Protein backbone atom coordinates (compact mmCIF):
# COMPACT_ATOMS: atom_id res chain seq x y z
CA UNK A 1 -1.93 -15.72 -54.29
CA UNK A 2 -3.24 -17.28 -51.10
CA UNK A 3 -5.54 -15.44 -49.32
CA UNK A 4 -4.72 -14.80 -46.17
CA UNK A 5 -7.62 -14.32 -43.54
CA UNK A 6 -7.81 -12.14 -40.48
CA UNK A 7 -9.31 -14.74 -38.21
CA UNK A 8 -9.62 -18.73 -38.22
CA UNK A 9 -12.24 -21.02 -37.94
CA UNK A 10 -14.68 -21.64 -34.84
CA UNK A 11 -13.20 -25.11 -34.63
CA UNK A 12 -9.66 -23.35 -34.45
CA UNK A 13 -10.64 -21.06 -31.64
CA UNK A 14 -12.52 -24.27 -30.19
CA UNK A 15 -8.75 -25.98 -29.67
CA UNK A 16 -7.51 -22.63 -28.56
CA UNK A 17 -9.97 -22.28 -25.65
CA UNK A 18 -9.68 -25.97 -24.74
CA UNK A 19 -6.02 -25.36 -24.17
CA UNK A 20 -6.65 -21.74 -22.61
CA UNK A 21 -9.81 -22.45 -20.49
CA UNK A 22 -8.24 -24.68 -18.11
CA UNK A 23 -5.15 -22.42 -17.59
CA UNK A 24 -7.45 -19.56 -17.14
CA UNK A 25 -9.30 -21.40 -14.71
CA UNK A 26 -6.26 -22.07 -12.60
CA UNK A 27 -4.89 -18.63 -12.46
CA UNK A 28 -8.55 -17.40 -11.35
CA UNK A 29 -8.42 -19.79 -8.47
CA UNK A 30 -5.11 -18.64 -7.72
CA UNK A 31 -6.45 -15.22 -8.08
CA UNK A 32 -9.50 -16.00 -5.86
CA UNK A 33 -6.93 -16.97 -3.39
CA UNK A 34 -5.35 -13.86 -3.63
CA UNK A 35 -8.90 -11.93 -3.00
CA UNK A 36 -9.63 -14.18 0.04
CA UNK A 37 -6.60 -13.27 1.31
CA UNK A 38 -6.67 -9.55 0.80
CA UNK A 39 -10.32 -9.85 2.07
CA UNK A 40 -9.19 -11.42 5.08
CA UNK A 41 -6.20 -9.21 5.55
CA UNK A 42 -8.39 -6.11 5.15
CA UNK A 43 -10.18 -7.00 8.32
CA UNK A 44 -7.27 -6.21 10.32
CA UNK A 45 -6.88 -2.26 8.67
CA UNK A 46 -5.04 -0.48 6.40
CA UNK A 47 -2.02 -0.64 7.71
CA UNK A 48 -1.34 -4.09 8.20
CA UNK A 49 -3.12 -5.12 5.20
CA UNK A 50 -0.47 -2.57 3.20
CA UNK A 51 2.17 -4.49 5.42
CA UNK A 52 1.58 -7.48 3.44
CA UNK A 53 1.09 -6.06 -0.17
CA UNK A 54 4.31 -4.14 -0.23
CA UNK A 55 5.55 -7.61 0.36
CA UNK A 56 4.03 -8.78 -2.09
CA UNK A 57 5.06 -5.99 -4.56
CA UNK A 58 8.78 -7.09 -3.42
CA UNK A 59 8.20 -10.54 -4.31
CA UNK A 60 6.35 -9.82 -7.43
CA UNK A 61 10.21 -9.31 -8.79
CA UNK A 62 10.68 -13.20 -7.70
CA UNK A 63 7.61 -14.34 -9.78
CA UNK A 64 8.07 -12.35 -12.96
CA UNK A 65 11.91 -13.79 -12.98
CA UNK A 66 10.27 -17.35 -12.09
CA UNK A 67 7.98 -17.09 -15.10
CA UNK A 68 10.59 -15.98 -17.41
CA UNK A 69 12.55 -18.92 -16.40
CA UNK A 70 9.58 -21.01 -17.31
CA UNK A 71 8.90 -19.05 -20.42
CA UNK A 72 12.25 -19.68 -21.76
CA UNK A 73 12.06 -23.21 -20.81
CA UNK A 74 8.84 -23.62 -22.46
CA UNK A 75 9.49 -22.30 -25.65
CA UNK A 76 11.95 -25.39 -25.85
CA UNK A 77 9.04 -27.69 -24.22
CA UNK A 78 6.42 -26.79 -26.58
CA UNK A 79 8.70 -27.30 -29.74
CA UNK A 80 10.00 -30.38 -28.65
CA UNK A 81 6.47 -31.84 -27.46
CA UNK A 82 5.25 -30.96 -31.47
CA UNK A 83 8.50 -32.64 -32.83
CA UNK A 84 7.66 -35.80 -30.00
CA UNK A 85 11.20 -35.45 -28.72
CA UNK A 86 11.42 -36.60 -25.20
CA UNK A 87 14.92 -36.08 -24.58
CA UNK A 88 14.46 -32.50 -25.29
CA UNK A 89 11.59 -31.86 -23.26
CA UNK A 90 13.45 -33.43 -20.25
CA UNK A 91 16.20 -31.30 -20.81
CA UNK A 92 13.76 -28.17 -20.89
CA UNK A 93 12.44 -29.36 -17.69
CA UNK A 94 15.91 -29.76 -16.28
CA UNK A 95 16.31 -26.37 -17.13
CA UNK A 96 13.50 -24.74 -15.38
CA UNK A 97 14.41 -26.83 -12.42
CA UNK A 98 17.80 -25.73 -11.78
CA UNK A 99 17.49 -22.22 -12.70
CA UNK A 100 14.28 -21.86 -10.39
CA UNK A 101 15.95 -23.53 -7.33
CA UNK A 102 18.88 -21.05 -7.56
CA UNK A 103 16.96 -18.19 -8.33
CA UNK A 104 14.76 -19.27 -4.92
CA UNK A 105 17.74 -19.58 -2.87
CA UNK A 106 19.15 -16.11 -3.93
CA UNK A 107 15.89 -14.22 -3.35
CA UNK A 108 15.23 -15.94 0.00
CA UNK A 109 18.27 -14.97 1.42
CA UNK A 110 18.10 -11.39 0.33
CA UNK A 111 14.84 -10.78 2.14
CA UNK A 112 15.87 -12.64 5.12
CA UNK A 113 19.26 -10.54 5.48
CA UNK A 114 17.55 -7.14 4.23
CA UNK A 115 14.05 -7.68 4.84
CA UNK A 116 13.38 -3.70 6.28
CA UNK A 117 16.11 -2.42 3.99
CA UNK A 118 14.19 -3.81 0.78
CA UNK A 119 10.58 -3.27 1.62
CA UNK A 120 11.32 0.17 2.93
CA UNK A 121 12.36 1.30 -1.01
CA UNK A 122 8.68 0.73 -1.57
CA UNK A 123 7.31 3.15 1.19
CA UNK A 124 9.96 5.64 1.92
CA UNK A 125 7.76 8.52 1.26
CA UNK A 126 5.13 7.24 3.03
CA UNK A 127 3.41 8.86 5.82
CA UNK A 128 3.10 5.63 7.68
CA UNK A 129 6.17 3.80 6.13
CA UNK A 130 7.29 2.53 9.62
CA UNK A 131 4.33 0.90 10.63
CA UNK A 132 3.59 -0.77 7.16
CA UNK A 133 7.64 -1.91 7.27
CA UNK A 134 7.00 -3.15 10.13
CA UNK A 135 3.92 -5.04 9.33
CA UNK A 136 5.53 -6.25 6.25
CA UNK A 137 8.64 -7.72 8.12
CA UNK A 138 6.46 -9.83 10.15
CA UNK A 139 5.24 -11.76 7.06
CA UNK A 140 7.91 -11.49 5.04
CA UNK A 141 9.83 -13.62 7.62
CA UNK A 142 7.74 -16.49 7.14
CA UNK A 143 6.73 -16.54 3.30
CA UNK A 144 10.35 -16.56 2.16
CA UNK A 145 9.80 -20.43 3.16
CA UNK A 146 7.42 -20.80 0.26
CA UNK A 147 9.86 -19.82 -2.39
CA UNK A 148 11.42 -23.33 -2.96
CA UNK A 149 7.87 -24.93 -3.13
CA UNK A 150 6.75 -22.53 -5.82
CA UNK A 151 9.85 -22.89 -7.72
CA UNK A 152 9.30 -27.13 -7.91
CA UNK A 153 5.60 -26.56 -8.65
CA UNK A 154 5.79 -24.01 -11.26
CA UNK A 155 8.66 -25.97 -13.08
CA UNK A 156 6.04 -29.18 -13.04
CA UNK A 157 3.40 -27.23 -14.00
CA UNK A 158 4.19 -25.11 -16.49
CA UNK A 159 5.50 -28.30 -18.17
CA UNK A 160 2.17 -29.90 -18.05
CA UNK A 161 0.62 -26.78 -19.93
CA UNK A 162 3.33 -26.45 -22.54
CA UNK A 163 2.74 -30.04 -23.59
CA UNK A 164 -0.84 -29.60 -23.68
CA UNK A 165 -2.09 -31.38 -20.40
CA UNK A 166 -3.61 -28.22 -19.01
CA UNK A 167 -5.89 -30.39 -16.34
CA UNK A 168 -3.62 -31.64 -13.95
CA UNK A 169 -2.14 -28.09 -12.98
CA UNK A 170 -5.87 -26.78 -12.75
CA UNK A 171 -7.15 -29.75 -10.34
CA UNK A 172 -4.11 -29.21 -8.24
CA UNK A 173 -4.55 -25.66 -7.80
CA UNK A 174 -8.47 -26.40 -6.63
CA UNK A 175 -6.72 -28.41 -3.71
CA UNK A 176 -4.10 -25.86 -2.92
CA UNK A 177 -6.77 -22.99 -2.93
CA UNK A 178 -9.04 -24.84 -0.59
CA UNK A 179 -6.23 -25.74 1.60
CA UNK A 180 -5.13 -22.00 2.02
CA UNK A 181 -8.63 -20.66 2.16
CA UNK A 182 -9.22 -22.99 4.93
CA UNK A 183 -5.87 -22.32 7.24
CA UNK A 184 -6.31 -18.44 6.43
CA UNK A 185 -9.54 -18.73 8.16
CA UNK A 186 -7.81 -20.49 11.19
CA UNK A 187 -4.87 -18.60 11.47
CA UNK A 188 -5.38 -15.04 10.80
CA UNK A 189 -8.53 -14.66 13.16
CA UNK A 190 -7.80 -17.96 15.57
CA UNK A 191 -10.60 -20.26 15.19
CA UNK A 192 -11.00 -24.00 15.76
CA UNK A 193 -8.65 -23.00 19.06
CA UNK A 194 -6.03 -21.92 17.25
CA UNK A 195 -3.79 -18.89 18.16
CA UNK A 196 -5.07 -15.58 16.70
CA UNK A 197 -1.44 -14.77 14.75
CA UNK A 198 -3.18 -11.79 11.94
CA UNK A 199 -0.04 -11.48 9.36
CA UNK A 200 1.98 -13.91 10.33
CA UNK A 201 -1.27 -16.77 10.03
CA UNK A 202 -1.71 -15.06 6.53
CA UNK A 203 1.65 -16.12 6.24
CA UNK A 204 1.90 -19.75 7.58
CA UNK A 205 -1.63 -20.56 5.69
CA UNK A 206 0.16 -19.81 2.50
CA UNK A 207 3.25 -22.03 3.42
CA UNK A 208 1.14 -24.98 4.01
CA UNK A 209 -0.83 -24.76 0.89
CA UNK A 210 2.80 -24.22 -1.11
CA UNK A 211 3.99 -27.50 0.44
CA UNK A 212 0.66 -29.20 -0.40
CA UNK A 213 0.71 -28.18 -3.43
CA UNK A 214 4.33 -29.06 -4.41
CA UNK A 215 3.83 -32.57 -2.46
CA UNK A 216 0.91 -33.27 -4.85
CA UNK A 217 2.61 -32.32 -8.16
CA UNK A 218 5.54 -34.67 -7.03
CA UNK A 219 3.36 -37.72 -6.34
CA UNK A 220 1.34 -37.14 -9.72
CA UNK A 221 4.36 -36.70 -11.88
CA UNK A 222 6.02 -40.06 -10.51
CA UNK A 223 2.98 -41.76 -10.74
CA UNK A 224 2.08 -40.44 -14.37
CA UNK A 225 5.59 -40.29 -15.99
CA UNK A 226 5.21 -37.65 -18.74
CA UNK A 227 7.36 -37.05 -21.48
CA UNK A 228 9.26 -34.52 -19.32
CA UNK A 229 9.52 -36.60 -16.22
CA UNK A 230 13.13 -36.86 -14.71
CA UNK A 231 14.20 -38.73 -12.23
CA UNK A 232 16.02 -37.53 -9.03
CA UNK A 233 18.96 -39.11 -10.02
CA UNK A 234 18.78 -37.53 -13.86
CA UNK A 235 18.04 -34.42 -12.72
CA UNK A 236 21.79 -33.35 -13.04
CA UNK A 237 22.35 -35.07 -16.24
CA UNK A 238 22.22 -31.99 -18.92
CA UNK A 239 22.99 -31.29 -22.16
CA UNK A 240 25.32 -28.04 -21.94
CA UNK A 241 25.13 -26.96 -25.42
CA UNK A 242 21.67 -26.83 -25.29
CA UNK A 243 21.30 -25.82 -21.74
CA UNK A 244 23.50 -22.58 -22.96
CA UNK A 245 21.02 -22.25 -25.60
CA UNK A 246 17.93 -21.73 -23.38
CA UNK A 247 20.00 -19.82 -20.99
CA UNK A 248 20.98 -17.19 -23.87
CA UNK A 249 17.30 -16.99 -24.67
CA UNK A 250 16.12 -16.79 -21.46
CA UNK A 251 18.70 -14.12 -20.67
CA UNK A 252 17.26 -11.83 -23.17
CA UNK A 253 13.68 -12.12 -21.77
CA UNK A 254 14.95 -11.80 -18.66
CA UNK A 255 16.59 -8.37 -19.92
CA UNK A 256 13.00 -7.89 -21.38
CA UNK A 257 10.96 -8.49 -18.11
CA UNK A 258 13.54 -7.30 -15.84
CA UNK A 259 13.30 -3.70 -17.42
CA UNK A 260 9.42 -4.35 -17.18
CA UNK A 261 9.38 -5.24 -13.30
CA UNK A 262 11.95 -2.64 -12.24
CA UNK A 263 10.09 -0.37 -13.68
CA UNK A 264 6.82 -1.10 -12.58
CA UNK A 265 8.27 -1.13 -9.08
CA UNK A 266 9.84 2.09 -9.18
CA UNK A 267 5.94 3.25 -10.22
CA UNK A 268 4.50 1.46 -7.35
CA UNK A 269 7.18 3.19 -5.03
CA UNK A 270 6.22 6.39 -6.39
CA UNK A 271 2.29 5.87 -6.07
CA UNK A 272 3.00 4.73 -2.29
CA UNK A 273 4.67 8.15 -1.53
CA UNK A 274 1.52 9.96 -2.64
CA UNK A 275 -0.56 9.43 0.56
CA UNK A 276 -0.29 7.38 3.64
CA UNK A 277 -1.50 3.33 3.97
CA UNK A 278 -4.95 4.38 2.24
CA UNK A 279 -3.12 4.30 -0.85
CA UNK A 280 -1.17 1.44 -0.57
CA UNK A 281 -4.15 -0.73 0.41
CA UNK A 282 -6.49 1.21 -1.99
CA UNK A 283 -3.91 0.33 -4.93
CA UNK A 284 -3.21 -3.42 -3.68
CA UNK A 285 -7.32 -3.97 -3.42
CA UNK A 286 -7.97 -3.02 -6.84
CA UNK A 287 -5.44 -5.13 -8.09
CA UNK A 288 -6.82 -7.68 -6.04
CA UNK A 289 -10.16 -7.45 -8.14
CA UNK A 290 -7.97 -6.67 -11.49
CA UNK A 291 -5.88 -9.80 -11.04
CA UNK A 292 -9.16 -12.07 -11.57
CA UNK A 293 -9.30 -11.01 -15.16
CA UNK A 294 -5.84 -10.89 -15.69
CA UNK A 295 -5.91 -14.53 -16.07
CA UNK A 296 -6.88 -14.04 -19.82
CA UNK A 297 -2.97 -13.38 -20.54
CA UNK A 298 -1.62 -16.96 -19.07
CA UNK A 299 -4.40 -18.72 -21.09
CA UNK A 300 -3.04 -16.68 -24.30
CA UNK A 301 0.38 -17.34 -23.84
CA UNK A 302 -0.24 -21.13 -23.59
CA UNK A 303 -2.56 -21.50 -26.45
CA UNK A 304 0.04 -19.79 -28.41
CA UNK A 305 2.88 -21.59 -27.01
CA UNK A 306 1.29 -24.90 -27.71
CA UNK A 307 -0.23 -24.52 -30.95
CA UNK A 308 2.06 -22.30 -32.48
CA UNK A 309 5.46 -23.81 -31.14
CA UNK A 310 4.05 -27.01 -31.83
CA UNK A 311 3.22 -26.25 -35.38
CA UNK A 312 6.90 -24.67 -35.78
CA UNK A 313 8.30 -27.83 -33.90
CA UNK A 314 6.72 -30.03 -36.79
CA UNK A 315 8.79 -27.40 -39.59
CA UNK A 316 5.11 -26.19 -40.70
CA UNK A 317 6.23 -22.72 -41.54
CA UNK A 318 3.21 -21.24 -43.37
CA UNK A 319 0.71 -22.88 -40.85
CA UNK A 320 2.24 -21.25 -37.88
CA UNK A 321 2.28 -17.85 -39.54
CA UNK A 322 -1.55 -18.06 -40.28
CA UNK A 323 -2.45 -19.50 -36.79
CA UNK A 324 -0.23 -16.60 -35.04
CA UNK A 325 -2.27 -14.08 -36.97
CA UNK A 326 -5.54 -15.84 -36.45
CA UNK A 327 -4.97 -15.96 -32.46
CA UNK A 328 -3.68 -12.68 -32.10
CA UNK A 329 -6.82 -11.03 -33.51
CA UNK A 330 -8.71 -13.05 -31.26
CA UNK A 331 -7.01 -11.94 -28.55
CA UNK A 332 -8.05 -8.60 -28.62
CA UNK A 333 -11.60 -9.56 -29.65
CA UNK A 334 -11.40 -11.71 -25.78
CA UNK A 335 -9.83 -8.26 -24.37
CA UNK A 336 -12.76 -6.28 -25.33
CA UNK A 337 -15.42 -8.77 -23.97
CA UNK A 338 -12.94 -9.07 -20.43
CA UNK A 339 -12.94 -5.41 -20.45
CA UNK A 340 -16.97 -5.10 -20.37
CA UNK A 341 -17.27 -7.46 -17.72
CA UNK A 342 -14.33 -5.97 -15.41
CA UNK A 343 -16.04 -2.29 -15.29
CA UNK A 344 -18.65 -3.47 -13.68
CA UNK A 345 -16.28 -5.40 -10.88
CA UNK A 346 -16.08 -2.00 -9.21
CA UNK A 347 -19.64 -3.32 -7.51
CA UNK A 348 -17.12 -5.86 -5.91
CA UNK A 349 -15.76 -3.07 -3.75
CA UNK A 350 -17.66 -2.51 -0.93
CA UNK A 351 -18.60 -6.11 -0.49
CA UNK A 352 -15.04 -7.22 -0.52
CA UNK A 353 -13.47 -4.45 0.96
CA UNK A 354 -15.89 -3.12 3.33
CA UNK A 355 -13.69 -2.57 5.91
CA UNK A 356 -10.91 -0.51 4.51
CA UNK A 357 -11.17 3.25 4.57
CA UNK A 358 -13.39 5.32 2.34
CA UNK A 359 -10.33 7.10 0.92
CA UNK A 360 -9.12 3.72 0.16
CA UNK A 361 -12.11 2.12 -1.42
CA UNK A 362 -12.06 5.14 -3.73
CA UNK A 363 -8.56 4.64 -5.40
CA UNK A 364 -9.66 1.05 -5.73
CA UNK A 365 -13.10 1.56 -7.66
CA UNK A 366 -11.20 4.51 -9.88
CA UNK A 367 -8.02 1.87 -10.63
CA UNK A 368 -10.57 -0.99 -11.90
CA UNK A 369 -11.76 1.35 -14.29
CA UNK A 370 -8.79 2.40 -15.54
CA UNK A 371 -7.14 -1.30 -15.92
CA UNK A 372 -10.60 -2.62 -17.86
CA UNK A 373 -9.99 0.97 -20.32
CA UNK A 374 -6.62 -0.80 -21.31
CA UNK A 375 -7.28 -4.63 -21.28
CA UNK A 376 -8.00 -4.91 -25.52
CA UNK A 377 -4.40 -3.37 -25.48
CA UNK A 378 -3.09 -5.42 -23.02
CA UNK A 379 -4.42 -8.48 -24.59
CA UNK A 380 -3.05 -7.75 -27.93
CA UNK A 381 0.06 -6.97 -26.76
CA UNK A 382 0.35 -10.05 -24.72
CA UNK A 383 -0.47 -12.29 -27.74
CA UNK A 384 2.53 -10.36 -29.98
CA UNK A 385 5.06 -11.61 -27.10
CA UNK A 386 3.66 -14.78 -26.90
CA UNK A 387 3.74 -15.33 -30.65
CA UNK A 388 7.33 -13.79 -30.59
CA UNK A 389 8.25 -16.21 -27.68
CA UNK A 390 6.99 -19.51 -29.24
CA UNK A 391 9.46 -19.26 -31.93
CA UNK A 392 12.28 -18.06 -29.54
CA UNK A 393 12.63 -14.70 -31.03
CA UNK A 394 13.82 -13.38 -27.33
CA UNK A 395 15.12 -9.92 -29.16
CA UNK A 396 11.51 -8.87 -29.69
CA UNK A 397 10.63 -8.23 -26.08
CA UNK A 398 13.98 -6.55 -25.62
CA UNK A 399 13.17 -3.94 -28.11
CA UNK A 400 9.84 -3.37 -27.20
CA UNK A 401 9.97 -3.38 -22.90
CA UNK A 402 13.45 -1.86 -22.97
CA UNK A 403 13.20 0.96 -25.63
CA UNK A 404 9.71 2.32 -24.36
CA UNK A 405 10.28 1.89 -20.75
CA UNK A 406 13.52 3.71 -20.74
CA UNK A 407 12.65 6.48 -23.57
CA UNK A 408 8.93 7.12 -22.63
CA UNK A 409 7.55 5.20 -19.15
CA UNK A 410 10.33 5.94 -17.11
CA UNK A 411 10.58 9.57 -17.88
CA UNK A 412 6.94 10.00 -17.66
CA UNK A 413 6.61 8.63 -14.14
CA UNK A 414 9.22 11.07 -12.91
CA UNK A 415 7.67 14.00 -14.50
CA UNK A 416 4.24 13.65 -13.32
CA UNK A 417 5.73 12.70 -9.88
CA UNK A 418 7.90 15.96 -9.76
CA UNK A 419 5.48 18.45 -11.86
CA UNK A 420 2.15 17.58 -10.94
CA UNK A 421 0.24 16.63 -7.71
CA UNK A 422 -1.79 13.75 -9.58
CA UNK A 423 -2.79 11.02 -7.65
CA UNK A 424 -1.75 7.34 -8.13
CA UNK A 425 -4.62 6.06 -10.51
CA UNK A 426 -4.50 9.19 -12.66
CA UNK A 427 -0.58 8.81 -13.07
CA UNK A 428 -0.86 5.54 -13.80
CA UNK A 429 -3.30 6.18 -16.46
CA UNK A 430 -1.72 8.33 -18.11
CA UNK A 431 1.80 6.39 -18.30
CA UNK A 432 0.32 3.75 -19.85
CA UNK A 433 -0.35 5.44 -22.83
CA UNK A 434 3.00 4.34 -23.80
CA UNK A 435 1.68 0.68 -24.37
CA UNK A 436 0.23 1.87 -27.55
CA UNK A 437 3.55 2.43 -28.70
CA UNK A 438 4.72 -1.00 -27.31
CA UNK A 439 2.10 -2.17 -29.42
CA UNK A 440 3.00 -0.34 -32.80
CA UNK A 441 7.10 -1.49 -31.73
CA UNK A 442 6.21 -5.17 -31.71
CA UNK A 443 4.68 -5.28 -34.80
CA UNK A 444 7.33 -3.60 -36.66
CA UNK A 445 9.71 -6.74 -34.76
CA UNK A 446 7.04 -9.41 -35.59
CA UNK A 447 6.75 -8.65 -39.34
CA UNK A 448 10.96 -9.19 -39.35
CA UNK A 449 9.77 -13.11 -38.85
CA UNK A 450 12.65 -13.97 -36.69
CA UNK A 451 9.93 -15.91 -34.71
CA UNK A 452 9.61 -18.50 -37.56
CA UNK A 453 11.99 -20.89 -36.31
CA UNK A 454 12.04 -24.62 -35.70
CA UNK A 455 14.06 -24.84 -32.78
CA UNK A 456 14.44 -28.74 -32.71
CA UNK A 457 16.76 -28.36 -35.47
CA UNK A 458 19.29 -27.16 -33.22
CA UNK A 459 21.87 -29.24 -31.97
CA UNK A 460 21.86 -30.35 -28.56
CA UNK A 461 25.78 -31.00 -27.81
CA UNK A 462 27.18 -33.67 -25.56
CA UNK A 463 25.72 -35.06 -22.24
CA UNK A 464 27.56 -34.05 -19.20
CA UNK A 465 26.94 -35.18 -15.74
CA UNK A 466 27.58 -32.23 -12.95
C-alpha cells in the first residue's frame, strides 16, 4: 500500500506560496486602502464613519455574490487551463463577465431607488439610526457607480489568478491603491484647493480608483491577449450547454454563499442594535484591521484552485487527492501563524482610530482578539471549501453553510439577542463556535470524494451567438 503523508515537500509548499503570495499581497493592498479609508473617515466622527460602513455592509452582499460568480467560472477556468483548452477558458471568462454585469446592474438599481430603506434594515434599532442612514445614503448615492467597473475588473483579475498569472492583478492593485489614497486625501478634507466633501469625497475617490483600475485591466488584456481573452465582438459567442453547466454550479455555490451572507447581515443588524454609533464604528474599525489578515483566504483559494484544479484537468486523480490533503494541513499551520501576529494588531487601534470614541476603540480591540482566536479554524475551513470547489463539488458548500447556519447559527443569534444583554463581541464569539461543526460536516462531505472530477471531459454543447 502507498503511504499517504499529511504534508507535502518544501518544494511543493514553495510552489503553492509562489501562487498565493501575490494574491495575498493584492488583498493586502486592497485592505490597506480600506484601512486608509476608515482612518480618514474616522476623522469625521463616529456617525459619519458608521454611515460609510453600514453602506459597505450592504454592498457586502454584492461583493460576496460577485465572488461566487468568479469562483463558479474559476472552477472551470483552472481545469481548462490545466488541459490547455483555450476555448473552454474563453467560455469561462464570458460566463463571469455576463453574469457580473447583470448582478451589478440589478444591485445598482436597487440601491439607487431604495437607499434609505435598505440601509435602515441594518440599523433600525440603533439609537442613532436616522443620522447614520442619512450619512450612508449620501455615500451610497455615489458608490453605486463603482459596481460595473468592479465587475469588469474582477472578471479579468480572477481569470489571471486562476491561470497562475498572479502578478498583473498585484501590480494593477498597487496603482489603484495609490490613486484611491491620493484622491481620498484631496476630496475628504479638501486639499490642493478641492472642496471639502467628507463622505462624498470618499465615494468620489473610490469611483476614480475603480475606473482607473478597470481601464488598466482592459488595456493590459488587449495587449497581452491571454488564452482566456475575448474580443468585444466575441463576448456574446457563448456555448449554451457549458454556460448552463457553470450556471448550475454557481446556483449551488450561490445558495451556500447567500445563506452565509444573509445570516452575517442579520447578525450585523442585531449587533448594530446593541448601542449607538460607537458599536457600528467600533465593529467596522475592528474588521478594517482584521481584514488585513483575511488576505490569506484568497491566497488559499487561488493556490488550491490552480494546483488541485489544474491537476484534475490533467486527469491525475491520485495526485490531486494528495495535493488537497497537503494544502489543507498547510493552511491550518499558516492560520496559527497569522493568528499569533494578528493578536498583536490591537496596538494599531489607538494609532489608526484615535479619533473614535473610547467606547468604540474598546469594541475594536476586543473584536480583534476574538477574530485572532478563530483564524486557524477559518483557514482550515476555507481550504476545505476550496478543495471541493476545485473539482466542481458545489453540494459540499450548500451542505455545510445552509445546514449549520439554519440549524445552529441563526437560532443562536436570536437566542442571545432575546435572552441576554451581551455586547456584540461576546455574541460574535459565542455563535462562531458553530464553525467547528462546519469543519466536521465539511470533512464528512469531502470524504465522499465528489470533488475528484475532471470537468474538462464534459461536453461544451453547440455555439450560440446571442
